Structure formats: C-alpha cells, structure tokens
C-alpha atoms as a PDB file:
ATOM      1  CA  MET A   1      61.155  95.391  92.259  1.00  0.00           C
ATOM      2  CA  ARG A   2      60.879  95.202  96.067  1.00  0.00           C
ATOM      3  CA  VAL A   3      64.647  94.601  96.360  1.00  0.00           C
ATOM      4  CA  LYS A   4      65.372  97.610  94.155  1.00  0.00           C
ATOM      5  CA  ARG A   5      63.155  99.832  96.305  1.00  0.00           C
ATOM      6  CA  MET A   6      64.896  98.646  99.443  1.00  0.00           C
ATOM      7  CA  LEU A   7      68.316  99.403  97.973  1.00  0.00           C
ATOM      8  CA  LEU A   8      67.237 102.902  96.970  1.00  0.00           C
ATOM      9  CA  LEU A   9      65.785 103.502 100.443  1.00  0.00           C
ATOM     10  CA  LEU A  10      68.980 102.276 102.105  1.00  0.00           C
ATOM     11  CA  LEU A  11      71.100 104.584  99.925  1.00  0.00           C
ATOM     12  CA  ALA A  12      68.915 107.577 100.801  1.00  0.00           C
ATOM     13  CA  MET A  13      69.246 106.785 104.503  1.00  0.00           C
ATOM     14  CA  LEU A  14      73.033 106.567 104.260  1.00  0.00           C
ATOM     15  CA  VAL A  15      73.270 110.009 102.718  1.00  0.00           C
ATOM     16  CA  PHE A  16      71.620 111.567 105.760  1.00  0.00           C
ATOM     17  CA  ILE A  17      73.289 109.595 108.536  1.00  0.00           C
ATOM     18  CA  PRO A  18      75.765 111.987 110.252  1.00  0.00           C
ATOM     19  CA  GLY A  19      79.402 111.014 109.842  1.00  0.00           C
ATOM     20  CA  VAL A  20      78.809 108.547 107.014  1.00  0.00           C
ATOM     21  CA  MET A  21      80.862 109.394 103.945  1.00  0.00           C
ATOM     22  CA  VAL A  22      79.130 108.991 100.596  1.00  0.00           C
ATOM     23  CA  PHE A  23      81.525 109.601  97.744  1.00  0.00           C
ATOM     24  CA  ALA A  24      80.473 112.176  95.160  1.00  0.00           C
ATOM     25  CA  THR A  25      83.476 111.242  93.028  1.00  0.00           C
ATOM     26  CA  ARG A  26      86.770 109.592  93.841  1.00  0.00           C
ATOM     27  CA  PRO A  27      88.994 111.356  96.413  1.00  0.00           C
ATOM     28  CA  THR A  28      92.487 112.510  95.478  1.00  0.00           C
ATOM     29  CA  PRO A  29      94.861 109.512  95.253  1.00  0.00           C
ATOM     30  CA  VAL A  30      97.092 109.314  98.315  1.00  0.00           C
ATOM     31  CA  ASP A  31     100.301 109.543  96.265  1.00  0.00           C
ATOM     32  CA  GLN A  32      99.148 112.877  94.787  1.00  0.00           C
ATOM     33  CA  ILE A  33      98.580 114.595  98.146  1.00  0.00           C
ATOM     34  CA  HIS A  34     101.446 116.807  99.282  1.00  0.00           C
ATOM     35  CA  ALA A  35     102.017 119.533 101.863  1.00  0.00           C
ATOM     36  CA  GLY A  36     102.316 122.254  99.219  1.00  0.00           C
ATOM     37  CA  MET A  37      98.587 121.919  98.490  1.00  0.00           C
ATOM     38  CA  PHE A  38      97.615 122.843 102.041  1.00  0.00           C
ATOM     39  CA  PRO A  39      99.702 125.748 103.413  1.00  0.00           C
ATOM     40  CA  VAL A  40      98.784 126.927 106.901  1.00  0.00           C
ATOM     41  CA  GLY A  41      96.125 129.614 106.650  1.00  0.00           C
ATOM     42  CA  SER A  42      94.864 128.522 103.235  1.00  0.00           C
ATOM     43  CA  GLU A  43      91.158 127.977 102.682  1.00  0.00           C
ATOM     44  CA  GLN A  44      89.966 124.651 101.280  1.00  0.00           C
ATOM     45  CA  ARG A  45      86.572 123.262 100.263  1.00  0.00           C
ATOM     46  CA  VAL A  46      85.234 119.857 101.270  1.00  0.00           C
ATOM     47  CA  GLU A  47      84.634 117.757  98.146  1.00  0.00           C
ATOM     48  CA  TYR A  48      84.251 114.150  97.047  1.00  0.00           C
ATOM     49  CA  ALA A  49      82.110 113.220 100.081  1.00  0.00           C
ATOM     50  CA  SER A  50      78.607 114.177 101.179  1.00  0.00           C
ATOM     51  CA  ALA A  51      79.608 114.113 104.844  1.00  0.00           C
ATOM     52  CA  LEU A  52      83.240 114.063 105.947  1.00  0.00           C
ATOM     53  CA  ASN A  53      84.247 112.835 109.403  1.00  0.00           C
ATOM     54  CA  VAL A  54      86.254 115.149 111.665  1.00  0.00           C
ATOM     55  CA  ARG A  55      88.483 113.120 113.986  1.00  0.00           C
ATOM     56  CA  ARG A  56      90.379 113.679 117.216  1.00  0.00           C
ATOM     57  CA  GLY A  57      93.706 112.983 115.525  1.00  0.00           C
ATOM     58  CA  PRO A  58      95.307 112.538 112.071  1.00  0.00           C
ATOM     59  CA  HIS A  59      94.403 108.871 111.506  1.00  0.00           C
ATOM     60  CA  PRO A  60      91.254 106.750 111.033  1.00  0.00           C
ATOM     61  CA  ARG A  61      91.886 105.104 114.411  1.00  0.00           C
ATOM     62  CA  TYR A  62      90.939 108.347 116.163  1.00  0.00           C
ATOM     63  CA  ALA A  63      87.263 108.808 117.024  1.00  0.00           C
ATOM     64  CA  ALA A  64      85.075 111.008 114.823  1.00  0.00           C
ATOM     65  CA  PHE A  65      83.252 113.655 116.870  1.00  0.00           C
ATOM     66  CA  THR A  66      81.468 115.604 114.114  1.00  0.00           C
ATOM     67  CA  HIS A  67      81.329 115.904 110.324  1.00  0.00           C
ATOM     68  CA  LEU A  68      81.461 118.527 107.580  1.00  0.00           C
ATOM     69  CA  THR A  69      79.136 118.540 104.608  1.00  0.00           C
ATOM     70  CA  ARG A  70      80.224 118.837 101.017  1.00  0.00           C
ATOM     71  CA  GLY A  71      80.898 122.464 100.058  1.00  0.00           C
ATOM     72  CA  THR A  72      82.021 123.539 103.539  1.00  0.00           C
ATOM     73  CA  VAL A  73      85.047 125.858 103.429  1.00  0.00           C
ATOM     74  CA  VAL A  74      87.706 125.278 106.087  1.00  0.00           C
ATOM     75  CA  THR A  75      90.941 127.052 107.016  1.00  0.00           C
ATOM     76  CA  VAL A  76      94.074 124.922 107.360  1.00  0.00           C
ATOM     77  CA  LEU A  77      95.624 125.113 110.828  1.00  0.00           C
ATOM     78  CA  GLU A  78      98.159 122.337 110.272  1.00  0.00           C
ATOM     79  CA  TYR A  79      99.041 119.649 107.709  1.00  0.00           C
ATOM     80  CA  ARG A  80     100.393 116.278 108.837  1.00  0.00           C
ATOM     81  CA  ASN A  81     100.801 113.039 106.894  1.00  0.00           C
ATOM     82  CA  LYS A  82      97.909 113.601 104.431  1.00  0.00           C
ATOM     83  CA  TRP A  83      95.626 115.005 107.151  1.00  0.00           C
ATOM     84  CA  VAL A  84      94.598 118.597 107.852  1.00  0.00           C
ATOM     85  CA  ARG A  85      93.723 120.136 111.224  1.00  0.00           C
ATOM     86  CA  VAL A  86      90.739 122.490 111.014  1.00  0.00           C
ATOM     87  CA  ASN A  87      88.373 124.413 113.245  1.00  0.00           C
ATOM     88  CA  THR A  88      84.716 123.370 113.505  1.00  0.00           C
ATOM     89  CA  PRO A  89      81.767 124.559 115.644  1.00  0.00           C
ATOM     90  CA  SER A  90      82.468 121.491 117.797  1.00  0.00           C
ATOM     91  CA  GLY A  91      86.170 122.243 118.231  1.00  0.00           C
ATOM     92  CA  GLU A  92      89.405 121.570 116.385  1.00  0.00           C
ATOM     93  CA  GLY A  93      89.832 118.246 114.616  1.00  0.00           C
ATOM     94  CA  TRP A  94      91.407 116.423 111.686  1.00  0.00           C
ATOM     95  CA  ILE A  95      90.049 115.631 108.226  1.00  0.00           C
ATOM     96  CA  TYR A  96      91.611 113.522 105.519  1.00  0.00           C
ATOM     97  CA  ALA A  97      93.071 115.844 102.867  1.00  0.00           C
ATOM     98  CA  GLY A  98      92.034 113.564 100.008  1.00  0.00           C
ATOM     99  CA  TYR A  99      88.440 114.745 100.372  1.00  0.00           C
ATOM    100  CA  LEU A 100      89.323 118.412  99.888  1.00  0.00           C
ATOM    101  CA  SER A 101      89.060 120.166  96.529  1.00  0.00           C
ATOM    102  CA  ARG A 102      91.715 119.320  93.952  1.00  0.00           C
ATOM    103  CA  GLU A 103      92.000 122.939  92.770  1.00  0.00           C
ATOM    104  CA  MET A 104      95.452 123.159  94.290  1.00  0.00           C
ATOM    105  CA  ALA A 105      96.385 119.686  93.090  1.00  0.00           C
ATOM    106  CA  ALA A 106      96.472 120.942  89.495  1.00  0.00           C
ATOM    107  CA  ALA A 107      99.992 122.222  90.100  1.00  0.00           C
ATOM    108  CA  PRO A 108     102.775 119.615  90.285  1.00  0.00           C
ATOM    109  CA  PRO A 109     104.051 118.624  93.734  1.00  0.00           C
ATOM    110  CA  LEU A 110     106.775 120.863  95.111  1.00  0.00           C
ATOM    111  CA  THR A 111     110.289 119.646  94.542  1.00  0.00           C
ATOM    112  CA  THR A 112     112.301 118.654  97.560  1.00  0.00           C
ATOM    113  CA  GLY A 113     115.480 118.943  95.584  1.00  0.00           C
ATOM    114  CA  THR A 114     117.799 121.937  95.575  1.00  0.00           C
ATOM    115  CA  GLY A 115     118.168 125.116  93.657  1.00  0.00           C
ATOM    116  CA  THR A 116     121.193 127.371  93.483  1.00  0.00           C
ATOM    117  CA  THR A 117     121.788 130.952  94.407  1.00  0.00           C
ATOM    118  CA  SER A 118     122.552 133.413  91.654  1.00  0.00           C
ATOM    119  CA  GLY A 119     126.141 132.854  90.661  1.00  0.00           C
ATOM    120  CA  SER A 120     127.168 131.252  93.947  1.00  0.00           C
ATOM    121  CA  GLY A 121     126.256 127.653  93.331  1.00  0.00           C
ATOM    122  CA  THR A 122     125.198 127.288  96.962  1.00  0.00           C
ATOM    123  CA  ALA A 123     122.383 124.761  97.312  1.00  0.00           C
ATOM    124  CA  VAL A 124     119.145 125.883  98.918  1.00  0.00           C
ATOM    125  CA  VAL A 125     116.138 123.680  99.629  1.00  0.00           C
ATOM    126  CA  ALA A 126     113.103 124.884  97.688  1.00  0.00           C
ATOM    127  CA  GLY A 127     110.353 122.817  99.262  1.00  0.00           C
ATOM    128  CA  SER A 128     109.426 124.840 102.364  1.00  0.00           C
ATOM    129  CA  ARG A 129     108.581 128.487 102.967  1.00  0.00           C
ATOM    130  CA  THR A 130     111.279 130.848 104.226  1.00  0.00           C
ATOM    131  CA  PRO A 131     111.457 130.725 108.044  1.00  0.00           C
ATOM    132  CA  GLN A 132     110.094 133.801 109.786  1.00  0.00           C
ATOM    133  CA  HIS A 133     113.408 134.702 111.421  1.00  0.00           C
ATOM    134  CA  LEU A 134     115.033 135.101 107.985  1.00  0.00           C
ATOM    135  CA  LEU A 135     112.496 137.653 106.742  1.00  0.00           C
ATOM    136  CA  ARG A 136     113.276 141.368 106.964  1.00  0.00           C
ATOM    137  CA  ALA A 137     112.016 144.577 105.382  1.00  0.00           C
ATOM    138  CA  ASP A 138     115.058 145.253 103.187  1.00  0.00           C
ATOM    139  CA  MET A 139     114.385 142.017 101.280  1.00  0.00           C
ATOM    140  CA  PHE A 140     111.149 143.496  99.945  1.00  0.00           C
ATOM    141  CA  PRO A 141     111.588 147.229  99.180  1.00  0.00           C
ATOM    142  CA  ALA A 142     108.733 149.081  97.484  1.00  0.00           C
ATOM    143  CA  ASN A 143     108.568 148.529  93.701  1.00  0.00           C
ATOM    144  CA  SER A 144     110.850 145.482  93.855  1.00  0.00           C
ATOM    145  CA  THR A 145     109.694 142.220  92.298  1.00  0.00           C
ATOM    146  CA  ALA A 146     109.485 138.746  93.807  1.00  0.00           C
ATOM    147  CA  THR A 147     108.214 135.352  92.706  1.00  0.00           C
ATOM    148  CA  VAL A 148     105.594 133.224  94.456  1.00  0.00           C
ATOM    149  CA  ASP A 149     107.362 130.073  95.596  1.00  0.00           C
ATOM    150  CA  PHE A 150     107.394 127.212  98.116  1.00  0.00           C
ATOM    151  CA  ALA A 151     103.667 126.428  97.669  1.00  0.00           C
ATOM    152  CA  SER A 152     101.423 125.517  94.734  1.00  0.00           C
ATOM    153  CA  HIS A 153      99.031 128.374  95.521  1.00  0.00           C
ATOM    154  CA  VAL A 154      99.225 131.147  98.130  1.00  0.00           C
ATOM    155  CA  ASN A 155      96.244 133.029  99.547  1.00  0.00           C
ATOM    156  CA  ILE A 156      95.901 136.792  99.153  1.00  0.00           C
ATOM    157  CA  ARG A 157      94.231 138.345 102.198  1.00  0.00           C
ATOM    158  CA  ARG A 158      92.465 141.601 103.051  1.00  0.00           C
ATOM    159  CA  GLY A 159      95.110 142.490 105.628  1.00  0.00           C
ATOM    160  CA  PRO A 160      98.599 141.484 106.830  1.00  0.00           C
ATOM    161  CA  ALA A 161      97.687 138.454 108.987  1.00  0.00           C
ATOM    162  CA  ASN A 162      96.047 135.042 108.687  1.00  0.00           C
ATOM    163  CA  SER A 163      93.052 136.400 110.600  1.00  0.00           C
ATOM    164  CA  TYR A 164      92.032 138.419 107.524  1.00  0.00           C
ATOM    165  CA  THR A 165      89.806 136.847 104.850  1.00  0.00           C
ATOM    166  CA  ALA A 166      91.440 135.381 101.746  1.00  0.00           C
ATOM    167  CA  PHE A 167      89.746 136.681  98.581  1.00  0.00           C
ATOM    168  CA  THR A 168      91.964 135.192  95.858  1.00  0.00           C
ATOM    169  CA  HIS A 169      95.218 133.292  95.428  1.00  0.00           C
ATOM    170  CA  LEU A 170      98.342 133.315  93.280  1.00  0.00           C
ATOM    171  CA  ALA A 171      99.938 130.246  91.725  1.00  0.00           C
ATOM    172  CA  ARG A 172     103.547 129.272  92.211  1.00  0.00           C
ATOM    173  CA  GLY A 173     105.768 131.084  89.704  1.00  0.00           C
ATOM    174  CA  THR A 174     103.696 134.279  89.599  1.00  0.00           C
ATOM    175  CA  THR A 175     105.804 137.458  89.645  1.00  0.00           C
ATOM    176  CA  VAL A 176     104.536 140.231  91.904  1.00  0.00           C
ATOM    177  CA  THR A 177     105.527 143.853  92.550  1.00  0.00           C
ATOM    178  CA  VAL A 178     105.914 144.866  96.185  1.00  0.00           C
ATOM    179  CA  LEU A 179     103.816 147.885  97.235  1.00  0.00           C
ATOM    180  CA  GLU A 180     104.542 147.679 100.960  1.00  0.00           C
ATOM    181  CA  TYR A 181     106.173 145.387 103.512  1.00  0.00           C
ATOM    182  CA  ARG A 182     104.721 145.118 106.999  1.00  0.00           C
ATOM    183  CA  GLN A 183     105.696 142.599 109.694  1.00  0.00           C
ATOM    184  CA  MET A 184     106.510 139.739 107.303  1.00  0.00           C
ATOM    185  CA  TRP A 185     103.602 140.441 104.940  1.00  0.00           C
ATOM    186  CA  VAL A 186     103.710 142.118 101.525  1.00  0.00           C
ATOM    187  CA  ARG A 187     100.966 144.262  99.974  1.00  0.00           C
ATOM    188  CA  LEU A 188     100.540 143.805  96.228  1.00  0.00           C
ATOM    189  CA  ASP A 189      98.193 144.292  93.290  1.00  0.00           C
ATOM    190  CA  THR A 190      96.128 141.406  91.900  1.00  0.00           C
ATOM    191  CA  ALA A 191      93.421 141.126  89.254  1.00  0.00           C
ATOM    192  CA  SER A 192      90.913 141.071  92.131  1.00  0.00           C
ATOM    193  CA  GLY A 193      92.331 144.139  93.879  1.00  0.00           C
ATOM    194  CA  GLN A 194      95.095 144.894  96.361  1.00  0.00           C
ATOM    195  CA  GLY A 195      95.824 142.373  99.099  1.00  0.00           C
ATOM    196  CA  TRP A 196      98.485 140.888 101.351  1.00  0.00           C
ATOM    197  CA  ILE A 197     100.651 137.801 100.923  1.00  0.00           C
ATOM    198  CA  PHE A 198     102.881 136.189 103.538  1.00  0.00           C
ATOM    199  CA  ALA A 199     106.457 137.087 102.542  1.00  0.00           C
ATOM    200  CA  GLY A 200     107.692 133.610 103.423  1.00  0.00           C
ATOM    201  CA  PHE A 201     106.120 132.344 100.189  1.00  0.00           C
ATOM    202  CA  LEU A 202     108.005 134.854  98.017  1.00  0.00           C
ATOM    203  CA  SER A 203     111.455 134.439  96.533  1.00  0.00           C
ATOM    204  CA  ASN A 204     114.014 136.915  95.182  1.00  0.00           C
ATOM    205  CA  ASP A 205     117.789 137.277  95.260  1.00  0.00           C
ATOM    206  CA  ALA A 206     117.794 138.498  98.874  1.00  0.00           C
ATOM    207  CA  VAL A 207     115.608 135.595  99.999  1.00  0.00           C
ATOM    208  CA  ILE A 208     117.738 133.042  98.161  1.00  0.00           C
ATOM    209  CA  ALA A 209     120.891 134.417  99.780  1.00  0.00           C
ATOM    210  CA  ALA A 210     119.305 134.350 103.266  1.00  0.00           C
ATOM    211  CA  ARG A 211     118.037 130.788 102.826  1.00  0.00           C
ATOM    212  CA  ALA A 212     121.430 129.621 101.576  1.00  0.00           C
ATOM    213  CA  SER A 213     123.323 131.148 104.486  1.00  0.00           C
ATOM    214  CA  GLY A 214     120.658 130.472 107.079  1.00  0.00           C
ATOM    215  CA  SER A 215     121.000 134.021 108.325  1.00  0.00           C
ATOM    216  CA  ALA A 216     118.914 137.101 107.628  1.00  0.00           C
ATOM    217  CA  SER A 217     121.972 139.358 107.655  1.00  0.00           C
ATOM    218  CA  THR A 218     125.324 139.833 109.328  1.00  0.00           C
ATOM    219  CA  THR A 219     123.651 142.390 111.584  1.00  0.00           C
ATOM    220  CA  ALA A 220     120.775 140.124 112.584  1.00  0.00           C
ATOM    221  CA  PRO A 221     120.413 139.535 116.330  1.00  0.00           C
ATOM    222  CA  THR A 222     122.643 136.730 117.518  1.00  0.00           C
ATOM    223  CA  GLY A 223     122.950 134.790 120.730  1.00  0.00           C
ATOM    224  CA  LEU A 224     119.263 133.930 120.913  1.00  0.00           C
ATOM    225  CA  GLY A 225     120.088 131.036 123.188  1.00  0.00           C
ATOM    226  CA  THR A 226     117.659 128.227 123.907  1.00  0.00           C
ATOM    227  CA  PRO A 227     114.173 128.386 125.442  1.00  0.00           C
ATOM    228  CA  THR A 228     113.782 127.468 129.107  1.00  0.00           C
ATOM    229  CA  PRO A 229     113.218 123.696 129.527  1.00  0.00           C
ATOM    230  CA  HIS A 230     109.560 122.918 130.215  1.00  0.00           C
ATOM    231  CA  ALA A 231     110.392 121.193 133.512  1.00  0.00           C
ATOM    232  CA  GLN A 232     111.870 124.458 134.819  1.00  0.00           C
ATOM    233  CA  LEU A 233     108.782 126.587 134.141  1.00  0.00           C
ATOM    234  CA  ARG A 234     107.049 127.391 137.434  1.00  0.00           C
ATOM    235  CA  ALA A 235     103.974 129.444 138.247  1.00  0.00           C
ATOM    236  CA  GLU A 236     105.786 131.504 140.893  1.00  0.00           C
ATOM    237  CA  ASN A 237     108.078 132.899 138.200  1.00  0.00           C
ATOM    238  CA  PHE A 238     105.106 134.292 136.251  1.00  0.00           C
ATOM    239  CA  PRO A 239     102.701 135.890 138.752  1.00  0.00           C
ATOM    240  CA  ALA A 240      99.695 137.830 137.478  1.00  0.00           C
ATOM    241  CA  ASN A 241     100.544 141.398 136.384  1.00  0.00           C
ATOM    242  CA  SER A 242     104.278 140.670 136.200  1.00  0.00           C
ATOM    243  CA  GLN A 243     106.111 141.833 133.063  1.00  0.00           C
ATOM    244  CA  HIS A 244     108.503 139.774 130.979  1.00  0.00           C
ATOM    245  CA  THR A 245     110.452 140.224 127.761  1.00  0.00           C
ATOM    246  CA  VAL A 246     110.117 137.904 124.753  1.00  0.00           C
ATOM    247  CA  ASP A 247     113.456 136.221 124.020  1.00  0.00           C
ATOM    248  CA  TYR A 248     115.135 133.122 122.533  1.00  0.00           C
ATOM    249  CA  ALA A 249     113.263 133.475 119.201  1.00  0.00           C
ATOM    250  CA  GLN A 250     112.798 136.277 116.701  1.00  0.00           C
ATOM    251  CA  PHE A 251     109.022 135.742 116.642  1.00  0.00           C
ATOM    252  CA  VAL A 252     106.773 133.753 118.992  1.00  0.00           C
ATOM    253  CA  ASN A 253     103.229 132.641 118.157  1.00  0.00           C
ATOM    254  CA  VAL A 254     100.288 133.773 120.271  1.00  0.00           C
ATOM    255  CA  ARG A 255      97.606 131.062 120.330  1.00  0.00           C
ATOM    256  CA  ARG A 256      93.898 130.763 121.149  1.00  0.00           C
ATOM    257  CA  GLY A 257      94.630 128.440 124.057  1.00  0.00           C
ATOM    258  CA  PRO A 258      97.490 127.132 126.213  1.00  0.00           C
ATOM    259  CA  GLY A 259      98.973 124.533 123.858  1.00  0.00           C
ATOM    260  CA  THR A 260     100.260 124.012 120.319  1.00  0.00           C
ATOM    261  CA  SER A 261      96.983 122.294 119.402  1.00  0.00           C
ATOM    262  CA  HIS A 262      95.346 125.729 119.493  1.00  0.00           C
ATOM    263  CA  ALA A 263      95.524 127.967 116.428  1.00  0.00           C
ATOM    264  CA  ALA A 264      98.009 130.861 116.331  1.00  0.00           C
ATOM    265  CA  PHE A 265      96.299 134.157 115.473  1.00  0.00           C
ATOM    266  CA  THR A 266      99.222 136.585 115.833  1.00  0.00           C
ATOM    267  CA  TYR A 267     102.799 136.748 117.083  1.00  0.00           C
ATOM    268  CA  VAL A 268     105.093 138.925 119.187  1.00  0.00           C
ATOM    269  CA  SER A 269     108.653 139.761 118.203  1.00  0.00           C
ATOM    270  CA  ARG A 270     111.806 139.412 120.261  1.00  0.00           C
ATOM    271  CA  GLY A 271     112.217 142.259 122.745  1.00  0.00           C
ATOM    272  CA  THR A 272     108.488 142.812 123.244  1.00  0.00           C
ATOM    273  CA  VAL A 273     107.490 143.329 126.883  1.00  0.00           C
ATOM    274  CA  VAL A 274     104.309 141.460 127.837  1.00  0.00           C
ATOM    275  CA  THR A 275     102.187 141.508 130.985  1.00  0.00           C
ATOM    276  CA  VAL A 276     101.142 138.132 132.390  1.00  0.00           C
ATOM    277  CA  LEU A 277      97.405 137.752 132.987  1.00  0.00           C
ATOM    278  CA  GLU A 278      97.511 134.067 133.916  1.00  0.00           C
ATOM    279  CA  PHE A 279      99.958 131.130 134.023  1.00  0.00           C
ATOM    280  CA  ARG A 280      98.825 127.618 133.118  1.00  0.00           C
ATOM    281  CA  GLN A 281     101.009 124.543 132.581  1.00  0.00           C
ATOM    282  CA  GLY A 282     103.940 126.376 131.034  1.00  0.00           C
ATOM    283  CA  TRP A 283     101.863 128.935 129.114  1.00  0.00           C
ATOM    284  CA  VAL A 284     100.985 132.539 129.941  1.00  0.00           C
ATOM    285  CA  ARG A 285      97.905 134.438 128.895  1.00  0.00           C
ATOM    286  CA  ILE A 286      98.664 137.923 127.561  1.00  0.00           C
ATOM    287  CA  SER A 287      96.879 140.802 125.857  1.00  0.00           C
ATOM    288  CA  THR A 288      97.712 141.796 122.259  1.00  0.00           C
ATOM    289  CA  ALA A 289      96.303 144.269 119.736  1.00  0.00           C
ATOM    290  CA  GLN A 290      94.389 141.306 118.230  1.00  0.00           C
ATOM    291  CA  GLY A 291      92.966 140.203 121.587  1.00  0.00           C
ATOM    292  CA  GLU A 292      94.009 137.966 124.454  1.00  0.00           C
ATOM    293  CA  GLY A 293      95.992 134.822 123.706  1.00  0.00           C
ATOM    294  CA  TRP A 294      98.542 132.380 125.040  1.00  0.00           C
ATOM    295  CA  LEU A 295     102.331 132.490 124.718  1.00  0.00           C
ATOM    296  CA  TYR A 296     104.683 129.650 125.622  1.00  0.00           C
ATOM    297  CA  ALA A 297     106.507 130.881 128.722  1.00  0.00           C
ATOM    298  CA  ALA A 298     109.762 129.209 127.717  1.00  0.00           C
ATOM    299  CA  PHE A 299     110.350 132.061 125.244  1.00  0.00           C
ATOM    300  CA  LEU A 300     110.225 134.713 127.968  1.00  0.00           C
ATOM    301  CA  ARG A 301     113.579 135.926 129.268  1.00  0.00           C
ATOM    302  CA  ARG A 302     114.897 134.072 132.281  1.00  0.00           C
ATOM    303  CA  PRO A 303     115.420 136.180 135.434  1.00  0.00           C
END
C-alpha cells in the first residue's frame, strides 16, 4: 500500500513539474506528420501532452526554455522537419508537431506528384502553395470559382492578412466563390460568415496555367535581377531618413525583427519607396501601415 501511495504521489508531482511532458494520449506517429497539416499562419492546439517543451531549435538536442500546457492555441510561423516554430510569452521557439491536435491530420497527406493543366498535359507540382509572385488580380475576378488546394485545411481570417484572427477553416477540395481580391487575399462566404483566404491556397485554370509556366503573365515584370550579396550591404548606403525602392522581388516580407527568425507580419511590393529608420546587420527598419518592421536591405535597389 505504501509503494502504491508513493507511485501516485510521484505521478502527481510529474504532472506539475514545468517542462515535463505527460502524455494524455499517444502523439501523432512521425510518419503521419506532413507539412500540409501546418501551413504558415494556421492556428493549432497543443494536445497529447500536459506540458509541452518549447526549444531553441527544431530538434530535441536544443535546450527547452519554456513550455506550453495542453489546450494552448499557437500560430504556426514555420514548419521544418516535423517541428513547428511558434511565438510564446518567452519568445519564439520550436515544438514537436506530433503533440499538436490531429484535426488536420484527418485529411490524407498532400501528394508530391504532378497534376496536369487543362488540355495541355503540362505537369505542375501540386504539393506547395502558389508562390506570391505568380498571384495577380485577374486570376480571381469577382463571382469566379476556385478550389482550396495545396493544404489539408486553410484558415479563414477576419481580414486580408495573417495578422487577422482565424475564425474557421476550409478543407482541401472545397469550392469557393470569389467576392473580392485584395493584395493576394480573397474574400469569400463561409457557413460562419464572410472572411479572407490567402489566394496561394486556391486553384483554378488561371492558377494552374501560371504554375505550369512559372510566370504570372507575359506582361509580368521581368528582369528582377538578384538581391545584393550580404557581404556588400553597408550601413553608409542606408543612412537614417534615406529613401530606397523595393526591387529584385515582387513582394518582400516585413518582419518583427532584423532576421528571418522573426515573424513576418506584412509585406511591401516591388516599386514601393521606403524610408530607412535604422540599419542593422543587413536589415533596415521601416514604417508600414501595420506598424514598424524590418526589411532585408538586399531587396532595396542598388544605387
């Protein structure tokens, strides 16, 4: 009887030790975890562990610096090799995707095979969302239809950006009617009300043709060139209050901090003129309609 009491006491202590994982049920098998379950910007719920370690990098060898309790909802910033980068009150870190809810795992893994364009027979990879530089307004005219693709489930948000709250989602294969297109996002009707979906997760004839050719249109900007090599970026070229034009990419992410480890919260399109507030290690701080953020200076036009 004494041994039984000690075991029960030990179990109770383990549940409340920070960072110790106590399995509620079995996590998702590693061979069933795929990138399509965790698109960037999607919201996921911690499951299958009472306390889930958050680590400095995407592997158990990295130190755990905090933990998330079961039921915590996180937003995916990045997916890499079965791990997900998330934001926490203690900073950004990595959690093992197997301990997140299997709601999205109900759909089969995305194929990495090829489809064909309508009547052309040209192969097009179906496993990843349409790149931003291929998206344009005439692909999604009002009242046209498109199909949710390239992810098992896609979040529907209150506004046309990842910064808006997701209130529902649509499963792959769902057909939607376009109400409005705005800066790579599409407004549509759902059973839970109107919302916005990132157009890169939609497919129609125009999208298929663009993905097959690798070009948005014959009139799309050409000659983007290549970004400035990092070694050539110097502070004297980006003094405070100087103005520069975004170039060498159709769209460039604006991040919370000066590095790709920081979350992107908006973007600026090619041709946009920005004013430098600060230069730091190859990045410039700028002001946007969504607030101040950091842009990689290599995408600013060379003098």
